[in-house]
Protein backbone atom coordinates (compact mmCIF):
# COMPACT_ATOMS: atom_id res chain seq x y z
CA MET A 1 -3.17 -8.09 1.57
CA ASN A 2 0.53 -7.86 0.99
CA LEU A 3 2.54 -4.97 -0.43
CA SER A 4 2.55 -6.41 -3.88
CA THR A 5 -1.27 -6.58 -3.85
CA LEU A 6 -1.36 -3.09 -2.51
CA ASN A 7 0.84 -1.86 -5.38
CA SER A 8 -1.39 -3.59 -7.91
CA SER A 9 -4.42 -2.00 -6.34
CA LEU A 10 -2.95 1.43 -6.54
CA PHE A 11 -2.05 1.03 -10.21
CA ALA A 12 -5.55 -0.28 -10.98
CA GLN A 13 -7.05 2.80 -9.19
CA LEU A 14 -4.74 5.02 -11.33
CA ASP A 15 -6.04 3.25 -14.50
CA ARG A 16 -9.66 3.91 -13.46
CA LEU A 17 -8.87 7.54 -12.81
CA GLY A 18 -7.36 7.85 -16.25
CA SER A 19 -10.44 6.52 -17.97
CA GLU A 20 -11.71 9.13 -20.36
CA SER A 21 -15.27 7.75 -20.00
CA LEU A 22 -15.40 9.11 -16.38
CA LYS A 23 -17.12 12.39 -16.28
CA GLY A 24 -19.12 14.51 -13.83
CA ASP A 25 -20.37 12.73 -10.72
CA ALA A 26 -18.76 9.46 -11.63
CA LEU A 27 -15.33 11.19 -11.89
CA ARG A 28 -15.85 13.02 -8.57
CA GLU A 29 -16.82 9.70 -6.83
CA GLU A 30 -13.70 8.04 -8.27
CA ILE A 31 -11.56 10.91 -7.04
CA GLU A 32 -12.94 10.58 -3.53
CA ARG A 33 -12.42 6.86 -3.63
CA SER A 34 -8.79 7.51 -4.67
CA LYS A 35 -8.31 9.81 -1.72
CA SER A 36 -9.53 7.18 0.63
CA ILE A 37 -7.38 4.49 -0.95
CA VAL A 38 -4.30 6.81 -0.76
CA SER A 39 -4.95 7.53 2.90
CA VAL A 40 -5.30 3.85 3.86
CA SER A 41 -2.31 2.91 1.67
CA GLY A 42 -0.15 5.44 3.41
CA GLN A 43 -0.90 3.85 6.78
CA ILE A 44 -0.10 0.39 5.43
CA ILE A 45 3.16 1.64 3.98
CA ASP A 46 4.10 3.35 7.26
CA ASN A 47 3.34 0.18 9.14
CA ALA A 48 5.53 -1.75 6.74
CA LYS A 49 8.44 0.72 7.34
CA ILE A 50 8.10 0.17 11.02
CA ALA A 51 8.18 -3.59 10.56
CA ILE A 52 11.29 -3.31 8.41
CA GLN A 53 12.98 -1.11 11.02
CA ALA A 54 12.14 -3.56 13.74
CA HIS A 55 13.47 -6.49 11.68
CA GLU A 56 16.71 -4.56 10.97
CA LEU A 57 17.19 -3.90 14.68
CA GLN A 58 16.63 -7.59 15.40
CA LEU A 59 19.31 -8.53 12.85
CA GLU A 60 21.71 -5.86 14.16
CA TYR A 61 21.42 -7.28 17.69
CA GLY A 62 21.80 -10.93 16.53
CA ILE A 63 18.18 -11.90 16.95
CA LYS A 64 17.24 -14.36 14.24
CA SER A 65 13.65 -14.04 13.27
CA PRO A 66 11.64 -14.35 10.00
CA LEU A 67 10.40 -11.39 8.15
CA PRO A 68 6.99 -10.28 9.25
CA LYS A 69 4.27 -11.97 7.17
CA MET A 70 3.30 -8.59 5.66
CA LEU A 71 6.73 -8.43 4.14
CA ASP A 72 7.49 -11.97 3.15
CA GLN A 73 5.80 -11.68 -0.28
CA ILE A 74 7.07 -8.39 -1.51
């Protein structure tokens, strides 16, 4: 999964939460699923931030390296 896919997944989850047909237990389950998705997504985003910082430091010190694979398809 790359960050573009993550973004699409987050918006798809938002659409599911906005469904007016969700009620009761189904809505509660979807809310719990959303909480899990947000938690994991936050970790992925934090990891991407660290990868960007590392790449910026490499560039600052003249080290030529490709972008990490997780960032090359943003």
